[in-house]
Amino acid sequence: MTPVTAESDLTIPIRVTGSRTARRRYVPTMPASDSEVVAAMRVNGALDLDDHQPDETFEWQKAAAKNQLGVDVDAIAELQTRLFAERRRAVLIVLQAMDAGGKDGVIRSVLTGINPAGITVHSFGVPTEEEAEHDFLWRHHVRCPRRGIIGVFNRSHYEAVLVERVKELVAPEVWRPRYAHIRDFERALTGAGTTVVKLHLNVSYEEQGRRLQDRIDTPEEQWKFRLGDLDDRKLWTAYREAYTDALRETSTADAAWYVVPGDPKWVRNLAVAKILRQTLEQLDPQYPEPEADLTGLKVT
C-alpha cells in the first residue's frame, strides 16, 4: 500500500448533498436523570437510527460531564472489584461502530480505572483459516469472559451480519438466519450468568469524514488509516441499513442494544459510563463472606 503522508492530496469528502441524518433530537422537558438518559439510548423493538442524533448532548455541560465521568469511572472500578471478588457472574460489552467511530477511545476513557486482572479485551478482524472452518460464532464463544470478568468485544459476532452482508461475502440465505443464531447465543450467555451490554457508537457521516481526514493529515495517526476505509465509506447507506436491521432484530430484554451519540467524544464516553455503571449497580455484586470468623485474629 502506498504510504499516506501529511502532504498527500488525499482528502475525505465531509459534506454531502442532502442530510445524512434526520434532525430529530432528544429534548427533555426537565433535566434528565441518568436512568432517563440510559432509557433514551436503549433499543426496544422498533428502531429508526435517525431518531438517535449523533451529536446529542442530553443537555449536559462539557466541563461538568468530564468531572462526572471521573466519578462514574471510580464507581465502575469499585463495582468491578466486587464482581471480581464474587466470581459468580460476568459482563460482556459488545462495541460496534463505523470506522473511526470511537471504540478504542471508549476503552481508554471508560475502562482505564479497572483492575487489569478483571478485564479482557478482544478485537476481531478477518477470521483466520481455522476460525473460518467453524461456525461464525465459534471464535467469539471461546473468548467470552469467565465469571468475575468484564469482557469487551471490539467489533464482534455482529460483523457476520454487517460486513459480510454489505460486502456480499455471503448470500442473504446465509446471513439472514444469523439474527436468530445470535439471539440464541446471547440467551445462552445470559442464562449462564453473563450480562450482555451492546453499544452502537452512532457517529455521523460528517464526523467520520473529519476523523479520517485527521488521521491522514496527522503523521502520528496515519498508522490507523487504511485505504480500504474509503471504500467502506462509499457504502455508508448500506451499512446504515445493515446496522438498523441488526439492532432491531437482536435487541432483547436480556441483551439490549444502546445507541450512543458518537460525535462529541465527551458525551460518548459519559454515556457509555452511565450505561455500564447502571448495569453493574443492577447486578449489585457483593464481596464474599470470609471462610472463617476473623474476629480477633492476629498475624504473628
C-alpha atoms as a PDB file:
ATOM      1  CA  MET A   1       0.000   0.000   0.000  1.00  0.00           C
ATOM      2  CA  THR A   2       1.327   3.456  -0.850  1.00  0.00           C
ATOM      3  CA  PRO A   3       2.039   5.406   2.375  1.00  0.00           C
ATOM      4  CA  VAL A   4      -0.214   8.361   3.030  1.00  0.00           C
ATOM      5  CA  THR A   5       1.656  11.465   4.136  1.00  0.00           C
ATOM      6  CA  ALA A   6       0.524  14.730   5.614  1.00  0.00           C
ATOM      7  CA  GLU A   7       1.341  16.357   2.280  1.00  0.00           C
ATOM      8  CA  SER A   8      -0.898  13.933   0.378  1.00  0.00           C
ATOM      9  CA  ASP A   9      -3.660  15.407  -1.754  1.00  0.00           C
ATOM     10  CA  LEU A  10      -5.986  12.659  -0.474  1.00  0.00           C
ATOM     11  CA  THR A  11      -8.978  14.299   1.157  1.00  0.00           C
ATOM     12  CA  ILE A  12     -12.202  12.953   2.595  1.00  0.00           C
ATOM     13  CA  PRO A  13     -15.480  14.458   1.375  1.00  0.00           C
ATOM     14  CA  ILE A  14     -17.198  15.531   4.563  1.00  0.00           C
ATOM     15  CA  ARG A  15     -20.338  17.252   3.357  1.00  0.00           C
ATOM     16  CA  VAL A  16     -22.801  15.602   1.023  1.00  0.00           C
ATOM     17  CA  THR A  17     -25.854  16.763  -0.831  1.00  0.00           C
ATOM     18  CA  GLY A  18     -28.849  16.431   1.415  1.00  0.00           C
ATOM     19  CA  SER A  19     -28.899  15.383   5.051  1.00  0.00           C
ATOM     20  CA  ARG A  20     -27.468  12.006   6.019  1.00  0.00           C
ATOM     21  CA  THR A  21     -29.205  12.149   9.385  1.00  0.00           C
ATOM     22  CA  ALA A  22     -32.656  13.473  10.211  1.00  0.00           C
ATOM     23  CA  ARG A  23     -32.598  16.341  12.708  1.00  0.00           C
ATOM     24  CA  ARG A  24     -34.750  14.752  15.379  1.00  0.00           C
ATOM     25  CA  ARG A  25     -33.411  15.405  18.853  1.00  0.00           C
ATOM     26  CA  TYR A  26     -33.839  14.173  22.406  1.00  0.00           C
ATOM     27  CA  VAL A  27     -35.229  17.223  24.237  1.00  0.00           C
ATOM     28  CA  PRO A  28     -36.078  16.621  27.900  1.00  0.00           C
ATOM     29  CA  THR A  29     -38.801  18.765  29.444  1.00  0.00           C
ATOM     30  CA  MET A  30     -36.638  18.968  32.575  1.00  0.00           C
ATOM     31  CA  PRO A  31     -33.072  17.916  33.445  1.00  0.00           C
ATOM     32  CA  ALA A  32     -32.876  14.223  32.642  1.00  0.00           C
ATOM     33  CA  SER A  33     -31.873  11.661  35.235  1.00  0.00           C
ATOM     34  CA  ASP A  34     -29.250   9.033  34.472  1.00  0.00           C
ATOM     35  CA  SER A  35     -31.946   6.382  34.132  1.00  0.00           C
ATOM     36  CA  GLU A  36     -33.864   8.536  31.634  1.00  0.00           C
ATOM     37  CA  VAL A  37     -30.753   9.082  29.540  1.00  0.00           C
ATOM     38  CA  VAL A  38     -29.928   5.373  29.520  1.00  0.00           C
ATOM     39  CA  ALA A  39     -33.532   4.548  28.615  1.00  0.00           C
ATOM     40  CA  ALA A  40     -33.402   7.050  25.731  1.00  0.00           C
ATOM     41  CA  MET A  41     -30.439   5.174  24.238  1.00  0.00           C
ATOM     42  CA  ARG A  42     -31.900   1.688  24.685  1.00  0.00           C
ATOM     43  CA  VAL A  43     -33.370  -0.063  21.640  1.00  0.00           C
ATOM     44  CA  ASN A  44     -36.786  -1.510  22.393  1.00  0.00           C
ATOM     45  CA  GLY A  45     -38.313  -3.235  19.385  1.00  0.00           C
ATOM     46  CA  ALA A  46     -38.847  -0.829  16.504  1.00  0.00           C
ATOM     47  CA  LEU A  47     -35.821   1.236  15.563  1.00  0.00           C
ATOM     48  CA  ASP A  48     -35.084   4.171  13.308  1.00  0.00           C
ATOM     49  CA  LEU A  49     -31.458   5.250  13.694  1.00  0.00           C
ATOM     50  CA  ASP A  50     -32.499   8.721  12.606  1.00  0.00           C
ATOM     51  CA  ASP A  51     -34.267   9.029  15.966  1.00  0.00           C
ATOM     52  CA  HIS A  52     -30.837   8.860  17.635  1.00  0.00           C
ATOM     53  CA  GLN A  53     -28.921  12.026  16.837  1.00  0.00           C
ATOM     54  CA  PRO A  54     -25.119  11.521  16.685  1.00  0.00           C
ATOM     55  CA  ASP A  55     -24.422  14.971  18.175  1.00  0.00           C
ATOM     56  CA  GLU A  56     -26.909  14.649  21.044  1.00  0.00           C
ATOM     57  CA  THR A  57     -25.694  16.071  24.373  1.00  0.00           C
ATOM     58  CA  PHE A  58     -28.671  15.277  26.655  1.00  0.00           C
ATOM     59  CA  GLU A  59     -28.368  18.881  27.877  1.00  0.00           C
ATOM     60  CA  TRP A  60     -25.073  18.033  29.597  1.00  0.00           C
ATOM     61  CA  GLN A  61     -22.389  20.675  30.008  1.00  0.00           C
ATOM     62  CA  LYS A  62     -18.917  19.658  28.831  1.00  0.00           C
ATOM     63  CA  ALA A  63     -16.884  20.680  31.894  1.00  0.00           C
ATOM     64  CA  ALA A  64     -19.329  19.122  34.339  1.00  0.00           C
ATOM     65  CA  ALA A  65     -19.592  15.992  32.191  1.00  0.00           C
ATOM     66  CA  LYS A  66     -15.837  15.449  32.257  1.00  0.00           C
ATOM     67  CA  ASN A  67     -15.858  15.689  36.047  1.00  0.00           C
ATOM     68  CA  GLN A  68     -18.808  13.322  36.251  1.00  0.00           C
ATOM     69  CA  LEU A  69     -17.002  10.820  34.047  1.00  0.00           C
ATOM     70  CA  GLY A  70     -14.317  10.525  36.713  1.00  0.00           C
ATOM     71  CA  VAL A  71     -16.970   9.882  39.359  1.00  0.00           C
ATOM     72  CA  ASP A  72     -18.640   7.208  37.258  1.00  0.00           C
ATOM     73  CA  VAL A  73     -15.342   5.529  36.329  1.00  0.00           C
ATOM     74  CA  ASP A  74     -14.447   5.310  40.037  1.00  0.00           C
ATOM     75  CA  ALA A  75     -17.835   3.754  40.757  1.00  0.00           C
ATOM     76  CA  ILE A  76     -17.382   1.260  37.905  1.00  0.00           C
ATOM     77  CA  ALA A  77     -13.957   0.300  39.260  1.00  0.00           C
ATOM     78  CA  GLU A  78     -15.392  -0.404  42.708  1.00  0.00           C
ATOM     79  CA  LEU A  79     -18.274  -2.429  41.266  1.00  0.00           C
ATOM     80  CA  GLN A  80     -15.869  -4.378  39.077  1.00  0.00           C
ATOM     81  CA  THR A  81     -13.735  -5.197  42.128  1.00  0.00           C
ATOM     82  CA  ARG A  82     -16.819  -6.622  43.810  1.00  0.00           C
ATOM     83  CA  LEU A  83     -17.746  -8.545  40.653  1.00  0.00           C
ATOM     84  CA  PHE A  84     -14.228  -9.998  40.520  1.00  0.00           C
ATOM     85  CA  ALA A  85     -14.295 -10.965  44.203  1.00  0.00           C
ATOM     86  CA  GLU A  86     -17.758 -12.502  43.945  1.00  0.00           C
ATOM     87  CA  ARG A  87     -16.851 -14.625  40.881  1.00  0.00           C
ATOM     88  CA  ARG A  88     -20.443 -15.646  40.215  1.00  0.00           C
ATOM     89  CA  ARG A  89     -21.293 -13.572  37.142  1.00  0.00           C
ATOM     90  CA  ALA A  90     -19.640 -11.850  34.189  1.00  0.00           C
ATOM     91  CA  VAL A  91     -20.323  -8.879  31.913  1.00  0.00           C
ATOM     92  CA  LEU A  92     -19.750  -8.802  28.151  1.00  0.00           C
ATOM     93  CA  ILE A  93     -19.577  -5.404  26.451  1.00  0.00           C
ATOM     94  CA  VAL A  94     -20.075  -5.507  22.686  1.00  0.00           C
ATOM     95  CA  LEU A  95     -18.712  -2.437  20.861  1.00  0.00           C
ATOM     96  CA  GLN A  96     -19.762  -1.787  17.275  1.00  0.00           C
ATOM     97  CA  ALA A  97     -19.299   1.327  15.163  1.00  0.00           C
ATOM     98  CA  MET A  98     -18.358   2.518  11.715  1.00  0.00           C
ATOM     99  CA  ASP A  99     -14.664   3.154  11.011  1.00  0.00           C
ATOM    100  CA  ALA A 100     -13.323   5.934  13.274  1.00  0.00           C
ATOM    101  CA  GLY A 101     -16.402   5.531  15.432  1.00  0.00           C
ATOM    102  CA  GLY A 102     -14.517   5.683  18.733  1.00  0.00           C
ATOM    103  CA  LYS A 103     -14.362   2.101  20.010  1.00  0.00           C
ATOM    104  CA  ASP A 104     -10.751   2.372  21.167  1.00  0.00           C
ATOM    105  CA  GLY A 105     -11.469   5.747  22.718  1.00  0.00           C
ATOM    106  CA  VAL A 106     -14.271   4.294  24.823  1.00  0.00           C
ATOM    107  CA  ILE A 107     -11.999   1.525  26.092  1.00  0.00           C
ATOM    108  CA  ARG A 108      -9.288   4.033  27.039  1.00  0.00           C
ATOM    109  CA  SER A 109     -11.606   6.571  28.642  1.00  0.00           C
ATOM    110  CA  VAL A 110     -14.156   4.437  30.471  1.00  0.00           C
ATOM    111  CA  LEU A 111     -12.260   1.280  31.386  1.00  0.00           C
ATOM    112  CA  THR A 112      -8.888   2.767  32.324  1.00  0.00           C
ATOM    113  CA  GLY A 113      -9.594   2.673  36.050  1.00  0.00           C
ATOM    114  CA  ILE A 114     -10.471  -1.015  36.130  1.00  0.00           C
ATOM    115  CA  ASN A 115      -8.036  -3.534  37.603  1.00  0.00           C
ATOM    116  CA  PRO A 116      -6.413  -5.151  34.522  1.00  0.00           C
ATOM    117  CA  ALA A 117      -6.839  -8.546  36.178  1.00  0.00           C
ATOM    118  CA  GLY A 118     -10.602  -8.128  35.937  1.00  0.00           C
ATOM    119  CA  ILE A 119     -10.986  -7.197  32.275  1.00  0.00           C
ATOM    120  CA  THR A 120     -10.330  -8.775  28.892  1.00  0.00           C
ATOM    121  CA  VAL A 121     -10.443  -7.038  25.507  1.00  0.00           C
ATOM    122  CA  HIS A 122     -10.643  -8.908  22.216  1.00  0.00           C
ATOM    123  CA  SER A 123     -10.518  -7.256  18.800  1.00  0.00           C
ATOM    124  CA  PHE A 124     -11.921  -9.362  15.997  1.00  0.00           C
ATOM    125  CA  GLY A 125     -10.575  -8.925  12.479  1.00  0.00           C
ATOM    126  CA  VAL A 126     -10.848 -11.098   9.413  1.00  0.00           C
ATOM    127  CA  PRO A 127     -11.310 -14.733  10.528  1.00  0.00           C
ATOM    128  CA  THR A 128      -8.208 -16.890  10.455  1.00  0.00           C
ATOM    129  CA  GLU A 129      -8.165 -20.054   8.379  1.00  0.00           C
ATOM    130  CA  GLU A 130      -9.017 -22.133  11.440  1.00  0.00           C
ATOM    131  CA  GLU A 131     -11.812 -19.765  12.529  1.00  0.00           C
ATOM    132  CA  ALA A 132     -13.327 -19.774   9.046  1.00  0.00           C
ATOM    133  CA  GLU A 133     -13.644 -23.564   9.209  1.00  0.00           C
ATOM    134  CA  HIS A 134     -16.012 -23.295  12.187  1.00  0.00           C
ATOM    135  CA  ASP A 135     -19.434 -21.722  12.536  1.00  0.00           C
ATOM    136  CA  PHE A 136     -19.360 -17.926  12.706  1.00  0.00           C
ATOM    137  CA  LEU A 137     -19.924 -17.821  16.467  1.00  0.00           C
ATOM    138  CA  TRP A 138     -17.178 -20.266  17.433  1.00  0.00           C
ATOM    139  CA  ARG A 139     -14.306 -17.796  17.720  1.00  0.00           C
ATOM    140  CA  HIS A 140     -16.419 -15.424  19.803  1.00  0.00           C
ATOM    141  CA  HIS A 141     -17.783 -18.005  22.211  1.00  0.00           C
ATOM    142  CA  VAL A 142     -14.333 -19.177  23.271  1.00  0.00           C
ATOM    143  CA  ARG A 143     -13.390 -15.578  24.144  1.00  0.00           C
ATOM    144  CA  CYS A 144     -16.403 -14.758  26.287  1.00  0.00           C
ATOM    145  CA  PRO A 145     -15.460 -13.612  29.807  1.00  0.00           C
ATOM    146  CA  ARG A 146     -15.292 -16.070  32.657  1.00  0.00           C
ATOM    147  CA  ARG A 147     -17.078 -15.388  35.939  1.00  0.00           C
ATOM    148  CA  GLY A 148     -15.846 -12.255  37.689  1.00  0.00           C
ATOM    149  CA  ILE A 149     -14.579 -10.634  34.493  1.00  0.00           C
ATOM    150  CA  ILE A 150     -15.757  -7.740  32.336  1.00  0.00           C
ATOM    151  CA  GLY A 151     -15.058  -8.732  28.754  1.00  0.00           C
ATOM    152  CA  VAL A 152     -15.020  -6.347  25.795  1.00  0.00           C
ATOM    153  CA  PHE A 153     -15.520  -7.308  22.172  1.00  0.00           C
ATOM    154  CA  ASN A 154     -14.020  -4.570  19.988  1.00  0.00           C
ATOM    155  CA  ARG A 155     -16.045  -5.496  16.930  1.00  0.00           C
ATOM    156  CA  SER A 156     -17.797  -8.768  17.429  1.00  0.00           C
ATOM    157  CA  HIS A 157     -20.009 -11.548  16.115  1.00  0.00           C
ATOM    158  CA  TYR A 158     -22.145  -8.809  14.556  1.00  0.00           C
ATOM    159  CA  GLU A 159     -19.624  -8.407  11.758  1.00  0.00           C
ATOM    160  CA  ALA A 160     -21.270 -11.544  10.330  1.00  0.00           C
ATOM    161  CA  VAL A 161     -24.485  -9.579   9.685  1.00  0.00           C
ATOM    162  CA  LEU A 162     -22.795  -6.266   8.884  1.00  0.00           C
ATOM    163  CA  VAL A 163     -19.581  -6.554   6.865  1.00  0.00           C
ATOM    164  CA  GLU A 164     -20.414  -9.938   5.389  1.00  0.00           C
ATOM    165  CA  ARG A 165     -23.833  -8.681   4.350  1.00  0.00           C
ATOM    166  CA  VAL A 166     -22.793  -5.294   2.960  1.00  0.00           C
ATOM    167  CA  LYS A 167     -19.792  -6.628   1.045  1.00  0.00           C
ATOM    168  CA  GLU A 168     -21.806  -9.622  -0.154  1.00  0.00           C
ATOM    169  CA  LEU A 169     -19.306 -12.093   1.257  1.00  0.00           C
ATOM    170  CA  VAL A 170     -22.188 -14.462   1.958  1.00  0.00           C
ATOM    171  CA  ALA A 171     -25.629 -14.811   0.396  1.00  0.00           C
ATOM    172  CA  PRO A 172     -28.798 -13.457   2.062  1.00  0.00           C
ATOM    173  CA  GLU A 173     -29.929 -17.000   2.836  1.00  0.00           C
ATOM    174  CA  VAL A 174     -26.756 -17.290   4.945  1.00  0.00           C
ATOM    175  CA  TRP A 175     -26.739 -14.005   6.876  1.00  0.00           C
ATOM    176  CA  ARG A 176     -30.497 -13.651   7.478  1.00  0.00           C
ATOM    177  CA  PRO A 177     -30.785 -16.723   9.759  1.00  0.00           C
ATOM    178  CA  ARG A 178     -27.839 -15.436  11.764  1.00  0.00           C
ATOM    179  CA  TYR A 179     -30.057 -12.982  13.637  1.00  0.00           C
ATOM    180  CA  ALA A 180     -31.813 -15.931  15.285  1.00  0.00           C
ATOM    181  CA  HIS A 181     -28.485 -17.673  15.922  1.00  0.00           C
ATOM    182  CA  ILE A 182     -27.181 -14.522  17.638  1.00  0.00           C
ATOM    183  CA  ARG A 183     -30.299 -14.199  19.805  1.00  0.00           C
ATOM    184  CA  ASP A 184     -29.934 -17.840  20.871  1.00  0.00           C
ATOM    185  CA  PHE A 185     -26.217 -17.388  21.545  1.00  0.00           C
ATOM    186  CA  GLU A 186     -26.761 -14.342  23.737  1.00  0.00           C
ATOM    187  CA  ARG A 187     -29.687 -16.015  25.503  1.00  0.00           C
ATOM    188  CA  ALA A 188     -27.376 -18.896  26.387  1.00  0.00           C
ATOM    189  CA  LEU A 189     -24.756 -16.497  27.741  1.00  0.00           C
ATOM    190  CA  THR A 190     -27.345 -14.691  29.818  1.00  0.00           C
ATOM    191  CA  GLY A 191     -28.677 -17.951  31.189  1.00  0.00           C
ATOM    192  CA  ALA A 192     -25.164 -18.924  32.259  1.00  0.00           C
ATOM    193  CA  GLY A 193     -24.692 -15.691  34.216  1.00  0.00           C
ATOM    194  CA  THR A 194     -23.161 -13.304  31.679  1.00  0.00           C
ATOM    195  CA  THR A 195     -24.852  -9.931  31.281  1.00  0.00           C
ATOM    196  CA  VAL A 196     -24.558  -8.755  27.664  1.00  0.00           C
ATOM    197  CA  VAL A 197     -24.356  -4.990  27.048  1.00  0.00           C
ATOM    198  CA  LYS A 198     -24.306  -3.970  23.378  1.00  0.00           C
ATOM    199  CA  LEU A 199     -23.200  -0.471  22.370  1.00  0.00           C
ATOM    200  CA  HIS A 200     -23.511   1.049  18.923  1.00  0.00           C
ATOM    201  CA  LEU A 201     -21.420   4.221  18.771  1.00  0.00           C
ATOM    202  CA  ASN A 202     -23.513   6.282  16.399  1.00  0.00           C
ATOM    203  CA  VAL A 203     -21.112   8.572  14.539  1.00  0.00           C
ATOM    204  CA  SER A 204     -22.325  10.803  11.721  1.00  0.00           C
ATOM    205  CA  TYR A 205     -21.081  10.705   8.130  1.00  0.00           C
ATOM    206  CA  GLU A 206     -19.675  14.208   8.511  1.00  0.00           C
ATOM    207  CA  GLU A 207     -17.821  13.438  11.758  1.00  0.00           C
ATOM    208  CA  GLN A 208     -16.387  10.238  10.323  1.00  0.00           C
ATOM    209  CA  GLY A 209     -15.033  12.276   7.418  1.00  0.00           C
ATOM    210  CA  ARG A 210     -13.341  14.718   9.779  1.00  0.00           C
ATOM    211  CA  ARG A 211     -11.758  11.927  11.811  1.00  0.00           C
ATOM    212  CA  LEU A 212     -10.475  10.061   8.770  1.00  0.00           C
ATOM    213  CA  GLN A 213      -9.039  13.274   7.346  1.00  0.00           C
ATOM    214  CA  ASP A 214      -7.349  13.941  10.673  1.00  0.00           C
ATOM    215  CA  ARG A 215      -5.723  10.520  10.516  1.00  0.00           C
ATOM    216  CA  ILE A 216      -4.421  11.284   7.029  1.00  0.00           C
ATOM    217  CA  ASP A 217      -3.083  14.713   7.985  1.00  0.00           C
ATOM    218  CA  THR A 218      -1.500  13.763  11.328  1.00  0.00           C
ATOM    219  CA  PRO A 219       1.703  11.715  10.996  1.00  0.00           C
ATOM    220  CA  GLU A 220       1.237  10.118  14.427  1.00  0.00           C
ATOM    221  CA  GLU A 221      -2.246   8.974  13.449  1.00  0.00           C
ATOM    222  CA  GLN A 222      -1.543   7.657   9.945  1.00  0.00           C
ATOM    223  CA  TRP A 223      -0.946   4.111  11.182  1.00  0.00           C
ATOM    224  CA  LYS A 224      -4.679   3.926  11.978  1.00  0.00           C
ATOM    225  CA  PHE A 225      -5.701   4.703   8.391  1.00  0.00           C
ATOM    226  CA  ARG A 226      -6.098   2.198   5.576  1.00  0.00           C
ATOM    227  CA  LEU A 227      -7.177   2.951   2.035  1.00  0.00           C
ATOM    228  CA  GLY A 228      -9.977   0.419   2.445  1.00  0.00           C
ATOM    229  CA  ASP A 229     -11.631   2.860   4.866  1.00  0.00           C
ATOM    230  CA  LEU A 230     -12.537   4.985   1.854  1.00  0.00           C
ATOM    231  CA  ASP A 231     -14.139   2.018   0.099  1.00  0.00           C
ATOM    232  CA  ASP A 232     -16.205   1.283   3.206  1.00  0.00           C
ATOM    233  CA  ARG A 233     -17.210   4.938   3.440  1.00  0.00           C
ATOM    234  CA  LYS A 234     -18.774   4.721  -0.015  1.00  0.00           C
ATOM    235  CA  LEU A 235     -21.026   2.003   1.414  1.00  0.00           C
ATOM    236  CA  TRP A 236     -22.322   4.234   4.217  1.00  0.00           C
ATOM    237  CA  THR A 237     -26.007   3.878   3.329  1.00  0.00           C
ATOM    238  CA  ALA A 238     -25.779   0.100   3.038  1.00  0.00           C
ATOM    239  CA  TYR A 239     -24.011  -0.135   6.391  1.00  0.00           C
ATOM    240  CA  ARG A 240     -26.619   2.120   7.981  1.00  0.00           C
ATOM    241  CA  GLU A 241     -29.362  -0.204   6.767  1.00  0.00           C
ATOM    242  CA  ALA A 242     -27.458  -3.247   7.983  1.00  0.00           C
ATOM    243  CA  TYR A 243     -26.969  -1.715  11.427  1.00  0.00           C
ATOM    244  CA  THR A 244     -30.636  -0.799  11.660  1.00  0.00           C
ATOM    245  CA  ASP A 245     -31.703  -4.357  10.863  1.00  0.00           C
ATOM    246  CA  ALA A 246     -29.133  -5.931  13.177  1.00  0.00           C
ATOM    247  CA  LEU A 247     -30.044  -3.774  16.156  1.00  0.00           C
ATOM    248  CA  ARG A 248     -33.763  -4.167  15.552  1.00  0.00           C
ATOM    249  CA  GLU A 249     -33.545  -7.937  15.169  1.00  0.00           C
ATOM    250  CA  THR A 250     -31.265  -8.660  18.129  1.00  0.00           C
ATOM    251  CA  SER A 251     -32.078  -6.143  20.856  1.00  0.00           C
ATOM    252  CA  THR A 252     -33.846  -8.200  23.515  1.00  0.00           C
ATOM    253  CA  ALA A 253     -34.948  -7.675  27.096  1.00  0.00           C
ATOM    254  CA  ASP A 254     -31.908  -9.520  28.419  1.00  0.00           C
ATOM    255  CA  ALA A 255     -29.355  -8.370  25.816  1.00  0.00           C
ATOM    256  CA  ALA A 256     -30.342  -4.893  24.717  1.00  0.00           C
ATOM    257  CA  TRP A 257     -28.621  -2.585  22.274  1.00  0.00           C
ATOM    258  CA  TYR A 258     -27.887   1.024  23.181  1.00  0.00           C
ATOM    259  CA  VAL A 259     -27.388   3.688  20.513  1.00  0.00           C
ATOM    260  CA  VAL A 260     -24.766   6.042  21.941  1.00  0.00           C
ATOM    261  CA  PRO A 261     -24.213   9.536  20.476  1.00  0.00           C
ATOM    262  CA  GLY A 262     -20.835   9.197  18.776  1.00  0.00           C
ATOM    263  CA  ASP A 263     -19.878  12.671  17.573  1.00  0.00           C
ATOM    264  CA  PRO A 264     -18.943  14.547  20.780  1.00  0.00           C
ATOM    265  CA  LYS A 265     -16.373  12.263  22.390  1.00  0.00           C
ATOM    266  CA  TRP A 266     -17.064  13.634  25.865  1.00  0.00           C
ATOM    267  CA  VAL A 267     -20.775  12.770  25.523  1.00  0.00           C
ATOM    268  CA  ARG A 268     -19.964   9.331  24.121  1.00  0.00           C
ATOM    269  CA  ASN A 269     -17.659   8.485  26.999  1.00  0.00           C
ATOM    270  CA  LEU A 270     -20.011   9.654  29.731  1.00  0.00           C
ATOM    271  CA  ALA A 271     -22.995   7.950  28.107  1.00  0.00           C
ATOM    272  CA  VAL A 272     -21.139   4.621  27.985  1.00  0.00           C
ATOM    273  CA  ALA A 273     -20.051   5.058  31.606  1.00  0.00           C
ATOM    274  CA  LYS A 274     -23.677   5.687  32.626  1.00  0.00           C
ATOM    275  CA  ILE A 275     -24.821   2.504  30.876  1.00  0.00           C
ATOM    276  CA  LEU A 276     -22.070   0.362  32.380  1.00  0.00           C
ATOM    277  CA  ARG A 277     -22.463   1.805  35.873  1.00  0.00           C
ATOM    278  CA  GLN A 278     -26.224   1.233  35.815  1.00  0.00           C
ATOM    279  CA  THR A 279     -25.718  -2.326  34.588  1.00  0.00           C
ATOM    280  CA  LEU A 280     -23.274  -3.134  37.385  1.00  0.00           C
ATOM    281  CA  GLU A 281     -25.412  -1.433  40.023  1.00  0.00           C
ATOM    282  CA  GLN A 282     -28.368  -3.558  38.970  1.00  0.00           C
ATOM    283  CA  LEU A 283     -26.199  -6.686  39.288  1.00  0.00           C
ATOM    284  CA  ASP A 284     -25.115  -5.422  42.724  1.00  0.00           C
ATOM    285  CA  PRO A 285     -22.166  -7.798  43.175  1.00  0.00           C
ATOM    286  CA  GLN A 286     -21.133  -8.438  46.776  1.00  0.00           C
ATOM    287  CA  TYR A 287     -17.898  -9.301  48.477  1.00  0.00           C
ATOM    288  CA  PRO A 288     -17.999 -12.934  49.604  1.00  0.00           C
ATOM    289  CA  GLU A 289     -18.045 -13.813  53.272  1.00  0.00           C
ATOM    290  CA  PRO A 290     -14.653 -14.799  54.745  1.00  0.00           C
ATOM    291  CA  GLU A 291     -14.040 -18.519  55.007  1.00  0.00           C
ATOM    292  CA  ALA A 292     -13.866 -18.278  58.800  1.00  0.00           C
ATOM    293  CA  ASP A 293     -14.611 -15.878  61.651  1.00  0.00           C
ATOM    294  CA  LEU A 294     -11.671 -13.453  61.638  1.00  0.00           C
ATOM    295  CA  THR A 295     -12.615 -11.609  64.808  1.00  0.00           C
ATOM    296  CA  GLY A 296      -9.533 -11.090  66.964  1.00  0.00           C
ATOM    297  CA  LEU A 297      -7.211 -12.938  64.568  1.00  0.00           C
ATOM    298  CA  LYS A 298      -3.667 -11.566  64.677  1.00  0.00           C
ATOM    299  CA  VAL A 299      -0.824 -12.171  62.258  1.00  0.00           C
ATOM    300  CA  THR A 300       2.370 -13.167  64.047  1.00  0.00           C
END
